[in-house]
Amino acid sequence: MSDWQDKLRQRLSEPKPGRDAHDRMSSLKRQDETPFEIPTTARKAAVLILLKEEEDSLIFPLIQRPSYDGVHSGQMAFPGGKYDDTDEDLIETALRECYEEIGVCVERSKVLGTLSDIYIPPSNMHVVPVVANYSDVFQYNIDEYEVDKVVETSISHLQDANNYKEHIVDLDNGVKFKTPAFDVYGHTVWGATAMMLSELLMIIEKI
């Protein structure tokens, strides 16, 4: 896998599968929706997918959000957050948030590219997933206000069909619906994070 960084960087610079990949891990409800324009009120945000080569696969950290009174309580996600006016761009947002949330400092030169942006209606966030390479040992210093725990997983784990499942989402208003999800060592990864991973997997399959 010695040249995976160059291959992935090249692939990320080309047209991406976008919604075709997202729909693999979308709820039926979302698939049935007609395309909509992103609201002008949507808040810009970015997340960081930090890939490290290990034992012929690529590992990366996910985080579990703490339980709180909000739409993403307890969910699995990538390190990331809202764009700050002091950020140069959304790549800087992703790098800054990663350092603030899990204590991992990533140089801008390690960024390989971005996946397709995705709009998250419940939080009104328009998110850019940034992909970067990391070669050092992961050493975490988590912000306990933002992060409950870090869970490392791998591309090969997600490629295993045994780790794909259906998840029942139970909304506060009593509505329930099924959605595809990944099982990551007992943690359920669904929604926007699963959709981003779906696109990453589809791209990696081609390199």
C-alpha atoms as a PDB file:
ATOM      1  CA  MET A   1       0.000   0.000   0.000  1.00  0.00           C
ATOM      2  CA  SER A   2       3.055   2.221  -0.246  1.00  0.00           C
ATOM      3  CA  ASP A   3       1.580   4.494  -2.903  1.00  0.00           C
ATOM      4  CA  TRP A   4      -1.993   4.671  -1.618  1.00  0.00           C
ATOM      5  CA  GLN A   5      -1.615   8.325  -0.632  1.00  0.00           C
ATOM      6  CA  ASP A   6      -0.810   9.440  -4.180  1.00  0.00           C
ATOM      7  CA  LYS A   7      -3.561   7.280  -5.661  1.00  0.00           C
ATOM      8  CA  LEU A   8      -6.138   8.552  -3.192  1.00  0.00           C
ATOM      9  CA  ARG A   9      -5.048  12.167  -3.663  1.00  0.00           C
ATOM     10  CA  GLN A  10      -5.498  11.770  -7.413  1.00  0.00           C
ATOM     11  CA  ARG A  11      -8.876  10.082  -7.034  1.00  0.00           C
ATOM     12  CA  LEU A  12     -10.130  12.802  -4.686  1.00  0.00           C
ATOM     13  CA  SER A  13      -9.245  15.429  -7.297  1.00  0.00           C
ATOM     14  CA  GLU A  14     -11.550  13.738  -9.818  1.00  0.00           C
ATOM     15  CA  PRO A  15     -15.376  13.649  -9.963  1.00  0.00           C
ATOM     16  CA  LYS A  16     -16.714  11.778  -6.955  1.00  0.00           C
ATOM     17  CA  PRO A  17     -19.696   9.406  -6.600  1.00  0.00           C
ATOM     18  CA  GLY A  18     -21.512  11.761  -4.232  1.00  0.00           C
ATOM     19  CA  ARG A  19     -25.170  10.928  -3.824  1.00  0.00           C
ATOM     20  CA  ASP A  20     -24.797   7.486  -5.430  1.00  0.00           C
ATOM     21  CA  ALA A  21     -22.492   6.572  -2.564  1.00  0.00           C
ATOM     22  CA  HIS A  22     -24.496   8.447   0.059  1.00  0.00           C
ATOM     23  CA  ASP A  23     -27.696   6.613  -0.856  1.00  0.00           C
ATOM     24  CA  ARG A  24     -26.092   3.283   0.039  1.00  0.00           C
ATOM     25  CA  MET A  25     -26.240   4.345   3.669  1.00  0.00           C
ATOM     26  CA  SER A  26     -29.270   6.650   3.573  1.00  0.00           C
ATOM     27  CA  SER A  27     -32.598   5.882   5.170  1.00  0.00           C
ATOM     28  CA  LEU A  28     -35.405   5.065   2.732  1.00  0.00           C
ATOM     29  CA  LYS A  29     -37.008   8.304   3.815  1.00  0.00           C
ATOM     30  CA  ARG A  30     -34.005  10.281   2.583  1.00  0.00           C
ATOM     31  CA  GLN A  31     -33.771   8.303  -0.656  1.00  0.00           C
ATOM     32  CA  ASP A  32     -37.394   9.134  -1.429  1.00  0.00           C
ATOM     33  CA  GLU A  33     -36.829  12.860  -1.063  1.00  0.00           C
ATOM     34  CA  THR A  34     -36.450  14.914  -4.204  1.00  0.00           C
ATOM     35  CA  PRO A  35     -33.206  16.910  -4.359  1.00  0.00           C
ATOM     36  CA  PHE A  36     -33.435  20.128  -2.389  1.00  0.00           C
ATOM     37  CA  GLU A  37     -31.438  23.306  -2.291  1.00  0.00           C
ATOM     38  CA  ILE A  38     -29.225  23.824   0.713  1.00  0.00           C
ATOM     39  CA  PRO A  39     -30.731  26.642   2.803  1.00  0.00           C
ATOM     40  CA  THR A  40     -28.858  29.912   2.778  1.00  0.00           C
ATOM     41  CA  THR A  41     -29.004  29.736   6.581  1.00  0.00           C
ATOM     42  CA  ALA A  42     -26.989  26.486   6.662  1.00  0.00           C
ATOM     43  CA  ARG A  43     -23.884  26.699   8.825  1.00  0.00           C
ATOM     44  CA  LYS A  44     -20.560  25.709   7.269  1.00  0.00           C
ATOM     45  CA  ALA A  45     -18.651  22.903   8.956  1.00  0.00           C
ATOM     46  CA  ALA A  46     -15.927  20.352   8.289  1.00  0.00           C
ATOM     47  CA  VAL A  47     -14.817  16.985   9.636  1.00  0.00           C
ATOM     48  CA  LEU A  48     -11.475  15.192   9.394  1.00  0.00           C
ATOM     49  CA  ILE A  49     -11.021  11.615   8.190  1.00  0.00           C
ATOM     50  CA  LEU A  50      -7.516  10.797   9.370  1.00  0.00           C
ATOM     51  CA  LEU A  51      -6.115   7.688   7.654  1.00  0.00           C
ATOM     52  CA  LYS A  52      -3.096   5.778   8.926  1.00  0.00           C
ATOM     53  CA  GLU A  53      -1.626   2.704   7.229  1.00  0.00           C
ATOM     54  CA  GLU A  54      -1.430  -0.292   9.540  1.00  0.00           C
ATOM     55  CA  GLU A  55      -1.197  -4.016   8.774  1.00  0.00           C
ATOM     56  CA  ASP A  56      -2.264  -3.759   5.129  1.00  0.00           C
ATOM     57  CA  SER A  57      -5.303  -1.643   5.940  1.00  0.00           C
ATOM     58  CA  LEU A  58      -6.068   1.968   6.783  1.00  0.00           C
ATOM     59  CA  ILE A  59      -7.170   2.778  10.300  1.00  0.00           C
ATOM     60  CA  PHE A  60      -8.823   5.990  11.449  1.00  0.00           C
ATOM     61  CA  PRO A  61     -10.438   7.436  14.579  1.00  0.00           C
ATOM     62  CA  LEU A  62     -14.127   8.002  15.102  1.00  0.00           C
ATOM     63  CA  ILE A  63     -15.497   9.813  18.116  1.00  0.00           C
ATOM     64  CA  GLN A  64     -18.610   9.281  20.178  1.00  0.00           C
ATOM     65  CA  ARG A  65     -20.360  12.478  21.149  1.00  0.00           C
ATOM     66  CA  PRO A  66     -21.390  12.838  24.813  1.00  0.00           C
ATOM     67  CA  SER A  67     -25.034  12.476  25.776  1.00  0.00           C
ATOM     68  CA  TYR A  68     -26.693  15.887  25.808  1.00  0.00           C
ATOM     69  CA  ASP A  69     -29.960  17.578  24.913  1.00  0.00           C
ATOM     70  CA  GLY A  70     -29.309  17.858  21.189  1.00  0.00           C
ATOM     71  CA  VAL A  71     -29.797  16.196  17.813  1.00  0.00           C
ATOM     72  CA  HIS A  72     -26.401  14.439  17.754  1.00  0.00           C
ATOM     73  CA  SER A  73     -26.371  13.213  21.358  1.00  0.00           C
ATOM     74  CA  GLY A  74     -24.283  10.059  21.774  1.00  0.00           C
ATOM     75  CA  GLN A  75     -23.731   9.609  18.046  1.00  0.00           C
ATOM     76  CA  MET A  76     -20.588   8.347  16.342  1.00  0.00           C
ATOM     77  CA  ALA A  77     -18.869  10.924  14.154  1.00  0.00           C
ATOM     78  CA  PHE A  78     -15.581  12.183  12.797  1.00  0.00           C
ATOM     79  CA  PRO A  79     -13.705  14.900  14.681  1.00  0.00           C
ATOM     80  CA  GLY A  80     -14.959  18.203  13.356  1.00  0.00           C
ATOM     81  CA  GLY A  81     -17.211  21.162  13.828  1.00  0.00           C
ATOM     82  CA  LYS A  82     -18.353  24.575  12.697  1.00  0.00           C
ATOM     83  CA  TYR A  83     -16.348  26.980  10.567  1.00  0.00           C
ATOM     84  CA  ASP A  84     -14.850  29.833  12.547  1.00  0.00           C
ATOM     85  CA  ASP A  85     -14.385  33.288  11.053  1.00  0.00           C
ATOM     86  CA  THR A  86     -10.696  33.064  11.935  1.00  0.00           C
ATOM     87  CA  ASP A  87     -10.274  29.893   9.827  1.00  0.00           C
ATOM     88  CA  GLU A  88      -8.548  30.325   6.479  1.00  0.00           C
ATOM     89  CA  ASP A  89     -10.930  27.795   4.947  1.00  0.00           C
ATOM     90  CA  LEU A  90     -12.824  24.602   5.777  1.00  0.00           C
ATOM     91  CA  ILE A  91      -9.648  22.534   5.618  1.00  0.00           C
ATOM     92  CA  GLU A  92      -8.304  24.623   8.483  1.00  0.00           C
ATOM     93  CA  THR A  93     -11.625  24.121  10.269  1.00  0.00           C
ATOM     94  CA  ALA A  94     -11.216  20.341  10.076  1.00  0.00           C
ATOM     95  CA  LEU A  95      -7.586  20.422  11.239  1.00  0.00           C
ATOM     96  CA  ARG A  96      -8.336  22.832  14.089  1.00  0.00           C
ATOM     97  CA  GLU A  97     -11.348  20.894  15.316  1.00  0.00           C
ATOM     98  CA  CYS A  98      -9.415  17.618  15.246  1.00  0.00           C
ATOM     99  CA  TYR A  99      -6.731  19.106  17.474  1.00  0.00           C
ATOM    100  CA  GLU A 100      -9.254  20.715  19.813  1.00  0.00           C
ATOM    101  CA  GLU A 101     -11.410  17.601  20.158  1.00  0.00           C
ATOM    102  CA  ILE A 102      -8.927  14.708  20.259  1.00  0.00           C
ATOM    103  CA  GLY A 103      -5.530  16.390  20.586  1.00  0.00           C
ATOM    104  CA  VAL A 104      -4.100  15.136  17.283  1.00  0.00           C
ATOM    105  CA  CYS A 105      -2.205  17.814  15.361  1.00  0.00           C
ATOM    106  CA  VAL A 106      -2.175  17.317  11.596  1.00  0.00           C
ATOM    107  CA  GLU A 107      -0.121  19.393   9.180  1.00  0.00           C
ATOM    108  CA  ARG A 108      -1.916  20.897   6.222  1.00  0.00           C
ATOM    109  CA  SER A 109       0.558  19.151   3.902  1.00  0.00           C
ATOM    110  CA  LYS A 110      -0.949  15.819   4.980  1.00  0.00           C
ATOM    111  CA  VAL A 111      -4.345  16.676   3.490  1.00  0.00           C
ATOM    112  CA  LEU A 112      -5.151  14.469   0.487  1.00  0.00           C
ATOM    113  CA  GLY A 113      -8.395  16.124  -0.575  1.00  0.00           C
ATOM    114  CA  THR A 114     -12.082  16.256   0.241  1.00  0.00           C
ATOM    115  CA  LEU A 115     -15.126  14.060  -0.229  1.00  0.00           C
ATOM    116  CA  SER A 116     -18.456  15.368  -1.492  1.00  0.00           C
ATOM    117  CA  ASP A 117     -20.027  17.896   0.832  1.00  0.00           C
ATOM    118  CA  ILE A 118     -23.212  16.858   2.599  1.00  0.00           C
ATOM    119  CA  TYR A 119     -26.093  18.774   4.159  1.00  0.00           C
ATOM    120  CA  ILE A 120     -27.412  17.601   7.540  1.00  0.00           C
ATOM    121  CA  PRO A 121     -30.967  18.916   8.033  1.00  0.00           C
ATOM    122  CA  PRO A 122     -31.390  18.238  11.802  1.00  0.00           C
ATOM    123  CA  SER A 123     -28.460  20.509  12.672  1.00  0.00           C
ATOM    124  CA  ASN A 124     -28.647  22.685   9.530  1.00  0.00           C
ATOM    125  CA  MET A 125     -24.979  21.981   8.833  1.00  0.00           C
ATOM    126  CA  HIS A 126     -23.338  21.962   5.393  1.00  0.00           C
ATOM    127  CA  VAL A 127     -20.322  19.728   5.974  1.00  0.00           C
ATOM    128  CA  VAL A 128     -17.124  19.164   3.993  1.00  0.00           C
ATOM    129  CA  PRO A 129     -15.300  15.890   4.829  1.00  0.00           C
ATOM    130  CA  VAL A 130     -11.534  16.443   4.648  1.00  0.00           C
ATOM    131  CA  VAL A 131      -9.278  13.412   4.126  1.00  0.00           C
ATOM    132  CA  ALA A 132      -5.707  13.396   5.439  1.00  0.00           C
ATOM    133  CA  ASN A 133      -2.798  11.007   5.907  1.00  0.00           C
ATOM    134  CA  TYR A 134      -1.217  10.423   9.327  1.00  0.00           C
ATOM    135  CA  SER A 135       1.982   8.456   9.911  1.00  0.00           C
ATOM    136  CA  ASP A 136       2.644   8.870  13.647  1.00  0.00           C
ATOM    137  CA  VAL A 137       1.171   6.886  16.524  1.00  0.00           C
ATOM    138  CA  PHE A 138      -2.283   8.132  17.488  1.00  0.00           C
ATOM    139  CA  GLN A 139      -2.037   9.750  20.917  1.00  0.00           C
ATOM    140  CA  TYR A 140      -5.302  11.240  22.065  1.00  0.00           C
ATOM    141  CA  ASN A 141      -6.020  14.072  24.460  1.00  0.00           C
ATOM    142  CA  ILE A 142      -9.780  14.402  24.281  1.00  0.00           C
ATOM    143  CA  ASP A 143     -11.953  17.370  25.120  1.00  0.00           C
ATOM    144  CA  GLU A 144     -14.459  15.660  27.409  1.00  0.00           C
ATOM    145  CA  TYR A 145     -17.053  18.355  26.747  1.00  0.00           C
ATOM    146  CA  GLU A 146     -17.058  17.493  23.036  1.00  0.00           C
ATOM    147  CA  VAL A 147     -15.996  13.836  23.024  1.00  0.00           C
ATOM    148  CA  ASP A 148     -17.038  10.882  25.163  1.00  0.00           C
ATOM    149  CA  LYS A 149     -14.558   8.424  23.645  1.00  0.00           C
ATOM    150  CA  VAL A 150     -12.406   7.690  20.601  1.00  0.00           C
ATOM    151  CA  VAL A 151     -12.995   4.453  18.693  1.00  0.00           C
ATOM    152  CA  GLU A 152     -10.463   3.347  16.091  1.00  0.00           C
ATOM    153  CA  THR A 153     -11.637   1.254  13.163  1.00  0.00           C
ATOM    154  CA  SER A 154     -10.360   0.351   9.709  1.00  0.00           C
ATOM    155  CA  ILE A 155     -11.371   0.355   6.082  1.00  0.00           C
ATOM    156  CA  SER A 156     -11.146  -3.451   6.032  1.00  0.00           C
ATOM    157  CA  HIS A 157     -13.547  -3.651   8.992  1.00  0.00           C
ATOM    158  CA  LEU A 158     -16.126  -1.579   7.133  1.00  0.00           C
ATOM    159  CA  GLN A 159     -15.649  -3.597   3.948  1.00  0.00           C
ATOM    160  CA  ASP A 160     -16.699  -6.743   5.825  1.00  0.00           C
ATOM    161  CA  ALA A 161     -20.382  -7.362   5.038  1.00  0.00           C
ATOM    162  CA  ASN A 162     -20.845  -8.786   8.549  1.00  0.00           C
ATOM    163  CA  ASN A 163     -20.416  -5.259   9.906  1.00  0.00           C
ATOM    164  CA  TYR A 164     -23.314  -3.841   7.894  1.00  0.00           C
ATOM    165  CA  LYS A 165     -26.733  -3.731   9.559  1.00  0.00           C
ATOM    166  CA  GLU A 166     -30.075  -1.966   9.796  1.00  0.00           C
ATOM    167  CA  HIS A 167     -30.539   0.530  12.591  1.00  0.00           C
ATOM    168  CA  ILE A 168     -33.836   1.748  14.026  1.00  0.00           C
ATOM    169  CA  VAL A 169     -33.830   5.497  14.616  1.00  0.00           C
ATOM    170  CA  ASP A 170     -36.278   6.567  17.321  1.00  0.00           C
ATOM    171  CA  LEU A 171     -36.928  10.312  17.124  1.00  0.00           C
ATOM    172  CA  ASP A 172     -38.071  12.448  20.049  1.00  0.00           C
ATOM    173  CA  ASN A 173     -41.429  13.016  18.335  1.00  0.00           C
ATOM    174  CA  GLY A 174     -42.162   9.290  18.377  1.00  0.00           C
ATOM    175  CA  VAL A 175     -41.358   8.676  14.707  1.00  0.00           C
ATOM    176  CA  LYS A 176     -39.242   5.590  13.980  1.00  0.00           C
ATOM    177  CA  PHE A 177     -37.501   4.615  10.760  1.00  0.00           C
ATOM    178  CA  LYS A 178     -34.905   2.131   9.535  1.00  0.00           C
ATOM    179  CA  THR A 179     -31.572   3.169   8.127  1.00  0.00           C
ATOM    180  CA  PRO A 180     -28.458   1.290   6.982  1.00  0.00           C
ATOM    181  CA  ALA A 181     -25.565   1.446   9.432  1.00  0.00           C
ATOM    182  CA  PHE A 182     -22.095   0.127  10.168  1.00  0.00           C
ATOM    183  CA  ASP A 183     -21.386  -1.867  13.316  1.00  0.00           C
ATOM    184  CA  VAL A 184     -18.030  -0.729  14.684  1.00  0.00           C
ATOM    185  CA  TYR A 185     -17.192  -2.974  17.621  1.00  0.00           C
ATOM    186  CA  GLY A 186     -20.654  -2.567  19.098  1.00  0.00           C
ATOM    187  CA  HIS A 187     -21.005   1.096  18.164  1.00  0.00           C
ATOM    188  CA  THR A 188     -23.578   2.024  15.521  1.00  0.00           C
ATOM    189  CA  VAL A 189     -22.426   4.433  12.810  1.00  0.00           C
ATOM    190  CA  TRP A 190     -25.313   5.827  10.792  1.00  0.00           C
ATOM    191  CA  GLY A 191     -26.542   9.019   9.175  1.00  0.00           C
ATOM    192  CA  ALA A 192     -24.138  11.521   7.641  1.00  0.00           C
ATOM    193  CA  THR A 193     -21.042   9.796   9.023  1.00  0.00           C
ATOM    194  CA  ALA A 194     -22.049   6.482   7.440  1.00  0.00           C
ATOM    195  CA  MET A 195     -22.801   8.261   4.165  1.00  0.00           C
ATOM    196  CA  MET A 196     -19.345   9.866   4.135  1.00  0.00           C
ATOM    197  CA  LEU A 197     -17.775   6.486   4.843  1.00  0.00           C
ATOM    198  CA  SER A 198     -19.775   4.943   2.022  1.00  0.00           C
ATOM    199  CA  GLU A 199     -18.275   7.406  -0.428  1.00  0.00           C
ATOM    200  CA  LEU A 200     -14.773   6.864   0.938  1.00  0.00           C
ATOM    201  CA  LEU A 201     -15.162   3.091   0.580  1.00  0.00           C
ATOM    202  CA  MET A 202     -16.443   3.441  -2.977  1.00  0.00           C
ATOM    203  CA  ILE A 203     -13.465   5.628  -3.895  1.00  0.00           C
ATOM    204  CA  ILE A 204     -10.913   3.350  -2.230  1.00  0.00           C
ATOM    205  CA  GLU A 205     -12.341   0.359  -4.095  1.00  0.00           C
ATOM    206  CA  LYS A 206     -11.151   2.043  -7.305  1.00  0.00           C
ATOM    207  CA  ILE A 207      -7.524   2.635  -6.309  1.00  0.00           C
END
